Amino acid sequence: MTDPLLAAVLVGLGGSAGAVGRHAVGLRIEGRRSVVVVNALGSLALGALLAAPIGSGATLVAAVGFCGAFTTFSSFAVETVSAAADGEGRIAIGFAAANLAAALLAFLAGAAVGGAVA
């Protein structure tokens, strides 16, 4: 993909869908669990997308745009700091560790699936 304007539009389209998807999950699953769920699901999808030969345009829409907007590092940071500030240090540490482990394992699983499809 050589046209930077087209690339930006593709990322924006995917990002719009990812943001709506993230909001929808937040409506169904409240609190810290929703952060872990979206980060794990987004990492699973990202791993599969990056391992499969889907082309640069699809990568921009789905991997960069959708997965980038669907996953949420900022909510992860807010929830972790909030738990720590509320005197729930163990919960903050557990939440951070669970979020990171879930995202990494999901990415590896997605990459294995995407690689098997390729």
N, C-alpha and C. Protein backbone atom coordinates (compact mmCIF):
# COMPACT_ATOMS: atom_id res chain seq x y z
N MET A 1 0.86 -1.17 0.00
CA MET A 1 0.00 0.00 0.00
C MET A 1 0.91 1.23 0.00
N THR A 2 0.75 2.05 -1.01
CA THR A 2 1.64 3.20 -1.14
C THR A 2 0.93 4.52 -0.86
N ASP A 3 -0.38 4.58 -0.95
CA ASP A 3 -1.11 5.82 -0.75
C ASP A 3 -1.38 6.05 0.74
N PRO A 4 -0.71 7.02 1.36
CA PRO A 4 -0.88 7.23 2.80
C PRO A 4 -2.30 7.67 3.17
N LEU A 5 -2.98 8.39 2.29
CA LEU A 5 -4.34 8.81 2.59
C LEU A 5 -5.27 7.60 2.62
N LEU A 6 -5.14 6.70 1.66
CA LEU A 6 -5.95 5.49 1.66
C LEU A 6 -5.64 4.64 2.89
N ALA A 7 -4.37 4.54 3.24
CA ALA A 7 -3.99 3.78 4.43
C ALA A 7 -4.65 4.37 5.68
N ALA A 8 -4.66 5.69 5.80
CA ALA A 8 -5.28 6.35 6.96
C ALA A 8 -6.78 6.09 6.99
N VAL A 9 -7.43 6.12 5.84
CA VAL A 9 -8.87 5.85 5.76
C VAL A 9 -9.16 4.41 6.18
N LEU A 10 -8.35 3.47 5.72
CA LEU A 10 -8.54 2.06 6.08
C LEU A 10 -8.38 1.85 7.58
N VAL A 11 -7.37 2.46 8.16
CA VAL A 11 -7.17 2.35 9.61
C VAL A 11 -8.36 2.98 10.34
N GLY A 12 -8.83 4.12 9.85
CA GLY A 12 -9.96 4.78 10.48
C GLY A 12 -11.23 3.96 10.42
N LEU A 13 -11.48 3.30 9.30
CA LEU A 13 -12.65 2.44 9.17
C LEU A 13 -12.59 1.28 10.15
N GLY A 14 -11.45 0.63 10.19
CA GLY A 14 -11.28 -0.48 11.13
C GLY A 14 -11.35 -0.01 12.57
N GLY A 15 -10.75 1.16 12.83
CA GLY A 15 -10.77 1.71 14.18
C GLY A 15 -12.17 2.05 14.66
N SER A 16 -12.99 2.55 13.76
CA SER A 16 -14.38 2.85 14.11
C SER A 16 -15.11 1.59 14.54
N ALA A 17 -14.95 0.54 13.78
CA ALA A 17 -15.60 -0.73 14.12
C ALA A 17 -15.04 -1.30 15.42
N GLY A 18 -13.74 -1.17 15.62
CA GLY A 18 -13.13 -1.68 16.85
C GLY A 18 -13.61 -0.93 18.08
N ALA A 19 -13.75 0.38 17.96
CA ALA A 19 -14.23 1.18 19.10
C ALA A 19 -15.67 0.83 19.45
N VAL A 20 -16.50 0.62 18.43
CA VAL A 20 -17.89 0.22 18.68
C VAL A 20 -17.92 -1.17 19.32
N GLY A 21 -17.08 -2.07 18.83
CA GLY A 21 -17.00 -3.41 19.41
C GLY A 21 -16.56 -3.37 20.86
N ARG A 22 -15.59 -2.53 21.16
CA ARG A 22 -15.11 -2.40 22.54
C ARG A 22 -16.22 -1.88 23.44
N HIS A 23 -16.96 -0.91 22.96
CA HIS A 23 -18.06 -0.35 23.74
C HIS A 23 -19.14 -1.42 23.97
N ALA A 24 -19.44 -2.20 22.95
CA ALA A 24 -20.44 -3.26 23.07
C ALA A 24 -20.05 -4.29 24.13
N VAL A 25 -18.79 -4.67 24.15
CA VAL A 25 -18.33 -5.62 25.18
C VAL A 25 -18.49 -4.98 26.56
N GLY A 26 -18.14 -3.70 26.68
CA GLY A 26 -18.28 -3.01 27.96
C GLY A 26 -19.72 -2.93 28.44
N LEU A 27 -20.67 -2.94 27.53
CA LEU A 27 -22.08 -2.94 27.92
C LEU A 27 -22.52 -4.30 28.45
N ARG A 28 -21.89 -5.34 27.96
CA ARG A 28 -22.24 -6.72 28.37
C ARG A 28 -21.47 -7.20 29.59
N ILE A 29 -20.20 -6.79 29.67
CA ILE A 29 -19.33 -7.25 30.76
C ILE A 29 -18.81 -6.00 31.47
N GLU A 30 -19.14 -5.87 32.72
CA GLU A 30 -18.76 -4.65 33.44
C GLU A 30 -17.41 -4.78 34.13
N GLY A 31 -16.80 -3.63 34.38
CA GLY A 31 -15.61 -3.55 35.21
C GLY A 31 -14.35 -4.10 34.58
N ARG A 32 -13.49 -4.56 35.45
CA ARG A 32 -12.16 -5.01 35.03
C ARG A 32 -12.21 -6.22 34.11
N ARG A 33 -13.21 -7.06 34.28
CA ARG A 33 -13.30 -8.25 33.42
C ARG A 33 -13.42 -7.88 31.95
N SER A 34 -14.14 -6.79 31.66
CA SER A 34 -14.29 -6.40 30.25
C SER A 34 -12.94 -6.02 29.64
N VAL A 35 -12.07 -5.43 30.43
CA VAL A 35 -10.75 -5.04 29.94
C VAL A 35 -9.94 -6.28 29.58
N VAL A 36 -9.97 -7.28 30.45
CA VAL A 36 -9.23 -8.52 30.17
C VAL A 36 -9.83 -9.21 28.94
N VAL A 37 -11.15 -9.25 28.84
CA VAL A 37 -11.80 -9.91 27.72
C VAL A 37 -11.43 -9.25 26.40
N VAL A 38 -11.54 -7.91 26.31
CA VAL A 38 -11.24 -7.27 25.03
C VAL A 38 -9.75 -7.37 24.70
N ASN A 39 -8.90 -7.28 25.69
CA ASN A 39 -7.47 -7.38 25.40
C ASN A 39 -7.09 -8.80 24.96
N ALA A 40 -7.71 -9.80 25.56
CA ALA A 40 -7.42 -11.18 25.15
C ALA A 40 -8.00 -11.46 23.76
N LEU A 41 -9.26 -11.08 23.54
CA LEU A 41 -9.87 -11.30 22.22
C LEU A 41 -9.14 -10.53 21.12
N GLY A 42 -8.81 -9.28 21.40
CA GLY A 42 -8.08 -8.48 20.42
C GLY A 42 -6.70 -9.04 20.12
N SER A 43 -6.05 -9.56 21.14
CA SER A 43 -4.72 -10.16 20.94
C SER A 43 -4.82 -11.46 20.16
N LEU A 44 -5.86 -12.23 20.43
CA LEU A 44 -6.10 -13.46 19.67
C LEU A 44 -6.30 -13.13 18.19
N ALA A 45 -7.15 -12.16 17.93
CA ALA A 45 -7.41 -11.75 16.54
C ALA A 45 -6.15 -11.20 15.89
N LEU A 46 -5.41 -10.37 16.61
CA LEU A 46 -4.20 -9.78 16.06
C LEU A 46 -3.17 -10.84 15.71
N GLY A 47 -3.00 -11.81 16.61
CA GLY A 47 -2.06 -12.90 16.32
C GLY A 47 -2.45 -13.65 15.06
N ALA A 48 -3.73 -13.96 14.92
CA ALA A 48 -4.20 -14.69 13.74
C ALA A 48 -4.04 -13.85 12.47
N LEU A 49 -4.38 -12.58 12.56
CA LEU A 49 -4.28 -11.70 11.39
C LEU A 49 -2.84 -11.51 10.93
N LEU A 50 -1.94 -11.35 11.87
CA LEU A 50 -0.54 -11.11 11.50
C LEU A 50 0.14 -12.38 10.99
N ALA A 51 -0.36 -13.55 11.39
CA ALA A 51 0.25 -14.80 10.93
C ALA A 51 -0.31 -15.25 9.59
N ALA A 52 -1.50 -14.78 9.26
CA ALA A 52 -2.14 -15.20 8.00
C ALA A 52 -1.80 -14.21 6.89
N PRO A 53 -1.68 -14.69 5.66
CA PRO A 53 -1.38 -13.80 4.54
C PRO A 53 -2.66 -13.10 4.04
N ILE A 54 -3.02 -11.97 4.67
CA ILE A 54 -4.28 -11.31 4.32
C ILE A 54 -4.10 -10.07 3.45
N GLY A 55 -2.89 -9.65 3.24
CA GLY A 55 -2.66 -8.47 2.40
C GLY A 55 -2.57 -7.19 3.22
N SER A 56 -1.93 -6.20 2.64
CA SER A 56 -1.66 -4.97 3.40
C SER A 56 -2.91 -4.16 3.69
N GLY A 57 -3.86 -4.09 2.77
CA GLY A 57 -5.08 -3.34 3.02
C GLY A 57 -5.90 -3.94 4.14
N ALA A 58 -6.06 -5.26 4.10
CA ALA A 58 -6.80 -5.96 5.16
C ALA A 58 -6.08 -5.85 6.49
N THR A 59 -4.76 -5.88 6.46
CA THR A 59 -4.00 -5.73 7.70
C THR A 59 -4.24 -4.36 8.31
N LEU A 60 -4.28 -3.33 7.48
CA LEU A 60 -4.53 -1.98 7.99
C LEU A 60 -5.92 -1.88 8.62
N VAL A 61 -6.92 -2.41 7.94
CA VAL A 61 -8.29 -2.33 8.46
C VAL A 61 -8.45 -3.18 9.72
N ALA A 62 -8.08 -4.45 9.62
CA ALA A 62 -8.39 -5.40 10.69
C ALA A 62 -7.38 -5.38 11.83
N ALA A 63 -6.09 -5.45 11.52
CA ALA A 63 -5.08 -5.54 12.57
C ALA A 63 -4.79 -4.19 13.20
N VAL A 64 -4.43 -3.22 12.39
CA VAL A 64 -4.07 -1.90 12.93
C VAL A 64 -5.31 -1.16 13.41
N GLY A 65 -6.33 -1.07 12.56
CA GLY A 65 -7.52 -0.30 12.89
C GLY A 65 -8.40 -0.97 13.93
N PHE A 66 -8.99 -2.12 13.55
CA PHE A 66 -9.95 -2.77 14.45
C PHE A 66 -9.30 -3.21 15.75
N CYS A 67 -8.24 -4.02 15.66
CA CYS A 67 -7.62 -4.54 16.88
C CYS A 67 -7.02 -3.42 17.73
N GLY A 68 -6.47 -2.41 17.07
CA GLY A 68 -5.89 -1.29 17.81
C GLY A 68 -6.92 -0.53 18.61
N ALA A 69 -8.12 -0.35 18.05
CA ALA A 69 -9.18 0.38 18.76
C ALA A 69 -9.94 -0.53 19.72
N PHE A 70 -10.04 -1.81 19.39
CA PHE A 70 -10.79 -2.75 20.23
C PHE A 70 -10.06 -3.01 21.55
N THR A 71 -8.76 -3.24 21.47
CA THR A 71 -7.99 -3.47 22.69
C THR A 71 -7.79 -2.14 23.40
N THR A 72 -7.47 -2.21 24.69
CA THR A 72 -7.48 -0.98 25.45
C THR A 72 -6.41 -0.93 26.52
N PHE A 73 -5.28 -0.39 26.17
CA PHE A 73 -4.22 -0.23 27.15
C PHE A 73 -4.57 0.86 28.16
N SER A 74 -5.27 1.89 27.71
CA SER A 74 -5.60 2.98 28.63
C SER A 74 -6.55 2.49 29.73
N SER A 75 -7.55 1.70 29.39
CA SER A 75 -8.45 1.17 30.42
C SER A 75 -7.71 0.22 31.35
N PHE A 76 -6.79 -0.54 30.79
CA PHE A 76 -5.95 -1.41 31.60
C PHE A 76 -5.18 -0.59 32.63
N ALA A 77 -4.59 0.51 32.20
CA ALA A 77 -3.82 1.36 33.11
C ALA A 77 -4.72 1.99 34.17
N VAL A 78 -5.87 2.50 33.76
CA VAL A 78 -6.79 3.14 34.71
C VAL A 78 -7.26 2.15 35.76
N GLU A 79 -7.66 0.97 35.34
CA GLU A 79 -8.16 -0.03 36.29
C GLU A 79 -7.07 -0.49 37.26
N THR A 80 -5.85 -0.64 36.76
CA THR A 80 -4.74 -1.06 37.61
C THR A 80 -4.42 0.01 38.65
N VAL A 81 -4.29 1.24 38.20
CA VAL A 81 -3.97 2.35 39.11
C VAL A 81 -5.12 2.58 40.09
N SER A 82 -6.34 2.46 39.62
CA SER A 82 -7.51 2.66 40.47
C SER A 82 -7.55 1.64 41.60
N ALA A 83 -7.29 0.38 41.28
CA ALA A 83 -7.26 -0.65 42.31
C ALA A 83 -6.16 -0.37 43.32
N ALA A 84 -5.00 0.02 42.85
CA ALA A 84 -3.89 0.33 43.75
C ALA A 84 -4.21 1.54 44.63
N ALA A 85 -4.81 2.56 44.05
CA ALA A 85 -5.17 3.77 44.80
C ALA A 85 -6.24 3.49 45.85
N ASP A 86 -7.08 2.49 45.59
CA ASP A 86 -8.13 2.12 46.55
C ASP A 86 -7.61 1.19 47.64
N GLY A 87 -6.29 0.99 47.67
CA GLY A 87 -5.69 0.13 48.68
C GLY A 87 -5.79 -1.35 48.36
N GLU A 88 -6.11 -1.67 47.12
CA GLU A 88 -6.24 -3.05 46.69
C GLU A 88 -5.01 -3.46 45.88
N GLY A 89 -3.86 -3.40 46.53
CA GLY A 89 -2.60 -3.69 45.85
C GLY A 89 -2.54 -5.07 45.25
N ARG A 90 -3.02 -6.06 45.97
CA ARG A 90 -3.00 -7.43 45.44
C ARG A 90 -3.91 -7.56 44.22
N ILE A 91 -5.05 -6.91 44.28
CA ILE A 91 -5.95 -6.95 43.13
C ILE A 91 -5.31 -6.26 41.94
N ALA A 92 -4.65 -5.13 42.16
CA ALA A 92 -3.98 -4.40 41.08
C ALA A 92 -2.90 -5.27 40.44
N ILE A 93 -2.10 -5.92 41.25
CA ILE A 93 -1.03 -6.78 40.73
C ILE A 93 -1.63 -7.99 40.00
N GLY A 94 -2.63 -8.60 40.59
CA GLY A 94 -3.28 -9.75 39.96
C GLY A 94 -3.94 -9.38 38.65
N PHE A 95 -4.61 -8.22 38.63
CA PHE A 95 -5.26 -7.75 37.42
C PHE A 95 -4.23 -7.50 36.32
N ALA A 96 -3.16 -6.82 36.66
CA ALA A 96 -2.12 -6.53 35.68
C ALA A 96 -1.50 -7.82 35.14
N ALA A 97 -1.20 -8.76 36.04
CA ALA A 97 -0.59 -10.02 35.62
C ALA A 97 -1.56 -10.84 34.76
N ALA A 98 -2.83 -10.90 35.18
CA ALA A 98 -3.82 -11.67 34.42
C ALA A 98 -4.04 -11.07 33.04
N ASN A 99 -4.09 -9.75 32.97
CA ASN A 99 -4.30 -9.08 31.69
C ASN A 99 -3.15 -9.35 30.74
N LEU A 100 -1.94 -9.21 31.23
CA LEU A 100 -0.77 -9.44 30.40
C LEU A 100 -0.69 -10.90 29.96
N ALA A 101 -0.89 -11.82 30.90
CA ALA A 101 -0.81 -13.25 30.56
C ALA A 101 -1.89 -13.63 29.55
N ALA A 102 -3.11 -13.17 29.77
CA ALA A 102 -4.20 -13.49 28.85
C ALA A 102 -3.92 -12.95 27.45
N ALA A 103 -3.45 -11.71 27.36
CA ALA A 103 -3.18 -11.11 26.06
C ALA A 103 -2.04 -11.84 25.34
N LEU A 104 -0.98 -12.15 26.05
CA LEU A 104 0.15 -12.84 25.41
C LEU A 104 -0.21 -14.25 24.97
N LEU A 105 -0.89 -14.99 25.84
CA LEU A 105 -1.29 -16.35 25.47
C LEU A 105 -2.29 -16.34 24.32
N ALA A 106 -3.21 -15.39 24.34
CA ALA A 106 -4.18 -15.29 23.26
C ALA A 106 -3.49 -14.94 21.94
N PHE A 107 -2.52 -14.03 21.98
CA PHE A 107 -1.79 -13.69 20.76
C PHE A 107 -1.08 -14.92 20.20
N LEU A 108 -0.42 -15.67 21.07
CA LEU A 108 0.29 -16.87 20.61
C LEU A 108 -0.69 -17.90 20.02
N ALA A 109 -1.86 -18.06 20.65
CA ALA A 109 -2.87 -18.98 20.14
C ALA A 109 -3.36 -18.50 18.77
N GLY A 110 -3.61 -17.20 18.67
CA GLY A 110 -4.06 -16.64 17.39
C GLY A 110 -3.02 -16.81 16.31
N ALA A 111 -1.77 -16.60 16.66
CA ALA A 111 -0.69 -16.77 15.67
C ALA A 111 -0.59 -18.22 15.22
N ALA A 112 -0.81 -19.14 16.14
CA ALA A 112 -0.78 -20.56 15.77
C ALA A 112 -1.92 -20.89 14.81
N VAL A 113 -3.10 -20.36 15.11
CA VAL A 113 -4.25 -20.59 14.22
C VAL A 113 -4.03 -19.93 12.87
N GLY A 114 -3.60 -18.66 12.88
CA GLY A 114 -3.35 -17.95 11.64
C GLY A 114 -2.24 -18.61 10.81
N GLY A 115 -1.23 -19.10 11.49
CA GLY A 115 -0.13 -19.78 10.79
C GLY A 115 -0.58 -21.10 10.20
N ALA A 116 -1.50 -21.78 10.88
CA ALA A 116 -2.00 -23.06 10.37
C ALA A 116 -2.86 -22.85 9.13
N VAL A 117 -3.54 -21.70 9.07
CA VAL A 117 -4.39 -21.41 7.92
C VAL A 117 -3.54 -21.03 6.71
N ALA A 118 -2.42 -20.39 6.96
CA ALA A 118 -1.57 -19.88 5.87
C ALA A 118 -0.98 -20.95 5.05
